[in-house]
Amino acid sequence: MIRIRPAETADLPSALSIIRQTQEIFKTQGIDQWQNGYPNLQTLQHDLAHGWGRVLEEDGQTVAYFALSFDGEPN
């Protein structure tokens, strides 16, 4: 079963692991996105503090993290 739910502090290690894996994939493919230390733990903590962090779970396992905000993106 797949579900999306608000992220919690306990989800941060899994979310950071997913992000680091993605950074490595991007790097090996020559994609420069996320190669400057962003996003990091502080980014995810900021997401959680604003209620933006979400995780996608498949059969109880976190497989994705994203921030859902309708405030706009400064970048």
Protein backbone atom coordinates (compact mmCIF):
# COMPACT_ATOMS: atom_id res chain seq x y z
CA MET A 1 0.00 0.00 0.00
CA ILE A 2 1.25 3.47 -0.88
CA ARG A 3 0.49 6.50 1.25
CA ILE A 4 1.69 10.06 1.63
CA ARG A 5 1.79 11.56 5.11
CA PRO A 6 3.30 14.52 6.94
CA ALA A 7 6.96 13.94 7.76
CA GLU A 8 8.05 13.70 11.39
CA THR A 9 11.40 14.16 13.08
CA ALA A 10 11.81 10.37 13.14
CA ASP A 11 11.70 10.41 9.31
CA LEU A 12 14.75 12.67 8.94
CA PRO A 13 17.40 9.90 8.78
CA SER A 14 15.52 8.12 5.99
CA ALA A 15 14.83 11.36 4.14
CA LEU A 16 18.50 12.40 4.33
CA SER A 17 19.57 8.97 3.10
CA ILE A 18 17.26 9.28 0.09
CA ILE A 19 18.60 12.77 -0.63
CA ARG A 20 22.23 11.63 -0.38
CA GLN A 21 21.54 8.71 -2.73
CA THR A 22 19.95 11.11 -5.19
CA GLN A 23 22.90 13.49 -4.94
CA GLU A 24 25.24 10.63 -5.84
CA ILE A 25 23.09 9.61 -8.81
CA PHE A 26 23.01 13.21 -10.03
CA LYS A 27 26.79 13.48 -9.63
CA THR A 28 27.50 10.32 -11.62
CA GLN A 29 25.18 11.55 -14.37
CA GLY A 30 26.88 14.95 -14.55
CA ILE A 31 23.88 16.80 -13.11
CA ASP A 32 25.00 19.68 -10.90
CA GLN A 33 21.71 20.01 -9.01
CA TRP A 34 22.05 19.43 -5.24
CA GLN A 35 25.86 19.32 -5.40
CA ASN A 36 26.39 22.35 -3.14
CA GLY A 37 25.22 20.88 0.18
CA TYR A 38 21.55 21.66 -0.39
CA PRO A 39 19.25 20.21 0.77
CA ASN A 40 20.61 19.26 4.17
CA LEU A 41 19.36 18.51 7.69
CA GLN A 42 18.60 22.17 8.37
CA THR A 43 16.55 22.35 5.17
CA LEU A 44 14.45 19.37 6.23
CA GLN A 45 14.05 20.72 9.77
CA HIS A 46 12.84 24.00 8.25
CA ASP A 47 10.34 22.05 6.12
CA LEU A 48 9.02 20.24 9.18
CA ALA A 49 8.79 23.43 11.23
CA HIS A 50 6.56 24.93 8.54
CA GLY A 51 4.50 21.77 8.03
CA TRP A 52 5.80 21.28 4.47
CA GLY A 53 7.66 17.96 4.81
CA ARG A 54 5.99 14.86 3.39
CA VAL A 55 7.05 11.24 3.03
CA LEU A 56 5.78 8.65 0.62
CA GLU A 57 5.61 5.19 2.13
CA GLU A 58 5.26 1.89 0.35
CA ASP A 59 4.27 -0.99 2.62
CA GLY A 60 5.42 1.02 5.64
CA GLN A 61 8.86 1.82 4.15
CA THR A 62 9.80 5.43 3.40
CA VAL A 63 10.70 5.62 -0.29
CA ALA A 64 10.47 9.36 -0.98
CA TYR A 65 10.59 12.74 0.73
CA PHE A 66 9.33 16.05 -0.58
CA ALA A 67 8.33 19.49 0.62
CA LEU A 68 4.87 20.72 -0.29
CA SER A 69 4.55 24.48 -0.02
CA PHE A 70 2.30 26.98 -1.69
CA ASP A 71 4.45 29.94 -0.57
CA GLY A 72 6.59 30.01 -3.71
CA GLU A 73 10.19 29.06 -4.38
CA PRO A 74 12.85 31.78 -4.09
CA ASN A 75 15.16 29.96 -6.50
